[in-house]
Amino acid sequence: MYDISDDRRLRLVHDVVRSHGSRFQYSVYLCDLNPRELVALRWQVGEVMDHRLDAFAIVDLGPTDQVQRSTFEFLGRQPPMPPTASTVI
């Protein structure tokens, strides 16, 4: 999840995150990342965001074999979910 206060930085962060996962909601992405990919994502986003003004959150849903569909609850249409565990961004 992210909140970026500048349109240019918002587009840059969006492009970085989109290259690592699939869009779940406006500023929420599901990403299935190994440790190396997560480090790369953190570095890439950190390079384009303004740490004084912007916010970027990573929610680790845990190991692939322990995440269950019950982790998410939906009312209405359920968006497609990746087949493996994901990190919410």
Protein backbone atom coordinates (compact mmCIF):
# COMPACT_ATOMS: atom_id res chain seq x y z
CA MET A 1 0.00 0.00 0.00
CA TYR A 2 1.33 3.40 -0.74
CA ASP A 3 0.47 7.09 -0.50
CA ILE A 4 2.68 9.21 -2.75
CA SER A 5 2.08 12.98 -2.67
CA ASP A 6 3.57 13.94 -6.04
CA ASP A 7 2.13 12.79 -9.40
CA ARG A 8 5.55 12.18 -10.98
CA ARG A 9 6.79 10.08 -8.04
CA LEU A 10 3.43 8.31 -7.92
CA ARG A 11 3.86 7.16 -11.53
CA LEU A 12 7.43 6.04 -10.85
CA VAL A 13 6.45 4.05 -7.75
CA HIS A 14 3.48 2.57 -9.61
CA ASP A 15 5.76 1.42 -12.44
CA VAL A 16 8.22 -0.18 -10.01
CA VAL A 17 5.56 -2.03 -8.02
CA ARG A 18 3.67 -3.10 -11.15
CA SER A 19 6.85 -4.74 -12.43
CA HIS A 20 6.88 -6.94 -9.30
CA GLY A 21 3.21 -7.89 -8.91
CA SER A 22 -0.40 -7.49 -9.92
CA ARG A 23 -2.73 -4.65 -9.00
CA PHE A 24 -5.27 -5.58 -6.33
CA GLN A 25 -6.78 -2.14 -5.66
CA TYR A 26 -5.78 1.43 -6.55
CA SER A 27 -2.61 1.48 -4.45
CA VAL A 28 -2.52 -2.14 -3.30
CA TYR A 29 -0.59 -4.84 -5.15
CA LEU A 30 -0.11 -8.55 -4.60
CA CYS A 31 3.43 -9.72 -5.20
CA ASP A 32 4.94 -13.18 -4.86
CA LEU A 33 8.54 -12.28 -4.02
CA ASN A 34 11.58 -14.21 -2.97
CA PRO A 35 13.97 -12.46 -0.52
CA ARG A 36 16.19 -11.10 -3.29
CA GLU A 37 13.20 -9.65 -5.19
CA LEU A 38 11.89 -8.02 -2.02
CA VAL A 39 15.25 -6.33 -1.42
CA ALA A 40 15.24 -5.09 -5.03
CA LEU A 41 11.69 -3.74 -4.67
CA ARG A 42 12.57 -1.89 -1.44
CA TRP A 43 15.64 -0.37 -3.04
CA GLN A 44 13.85 0.66 -6.26
CA VAL A 45 10.93 2.27 -4.44
CA GLY A 46 13.27 3.92 -1.94
CA GLU A 47 15.14 5.55 -4.80
CA VAL A 48 12.07 7.26 -6.27
CA MET A 49 9.94 8.17 -3.23
CA ASP A 50 10.41 11.17 -0.95
CA HIS A 51 10.87 9.63 2.51
CA ARG A 52 9.78 12.85 4.22
CA LEU A 53 6.44 13.13 2.38
CA ASP A 54 5.47 9.72 1.01
CA ALA A 55 4.39 6.46 2.64
CA PHE A 56 4.98 2.91 1.42
CA ALA A 57 3.91 -0.19 3.35
CA ILE A 58 4.82 -3.84 2.80
CA VAL A 59 2.68 -6.52 4.44
CA ASP A 60 4.26 -9.98 4.44
CA LEU A 61 1.56 -12.66 4.39
CA GLY A 62 4.01 -15.37 5.41
CA PRO A 63 5.42 -18.50 3.80
CA THR A 64 3.69 -19.77 0.69
CA ASP A 65 2.65 -23.07 2.24
CA GLN A 66 1.00 -21.36 5.23
CA VAL A 67 -1.11 -18.68 3.54
CA GLN A 68 -4.74 -19.64 3.16
CA ARG A 69 -7.55 -18.15 1.12
CA SER A 70 -9.13 -17.23 4.47
CA THR A 71 -6.41 -14.57 4.88
CA PHE A 72 -8.68 -12.34 2.78
CA GLU A 73 -12.39 -11.75 3.19
CA PHE A 74 -14.36 -10.20 0.35
CA LEU A 75 -17.80 -8.68 0.10
CA GLY A 76 -18.97 -8.54 -3.49
CA ARG A 77 -16.80 -9.51 -6.44
CA GLN A 78 -13.57 -11.25 -5.48
CA PRO A 79 -10.54 -10.11 -7.47
CA PRO A 80 -8.31 -12.84 -8.92
CA MET A 81 -5.73 -14.09 -6.45
CA PRO A 82 -2.26 -15.42 -7.25
CA PRO A 83 -1.94 -19.19 -6.80
CA THR A 84 0.92 -18.84 -4.29
CA ALA A 85 1.58 -16.73 -1.21
CA SER A 86 1.99 -13.05 -1.78
CA THR A 87 3.24 -9.91 -0.20
CA VAL A 88 0.73 -7.07 -0.15
CA ILE A 89 2.15 -3.74 -1.23
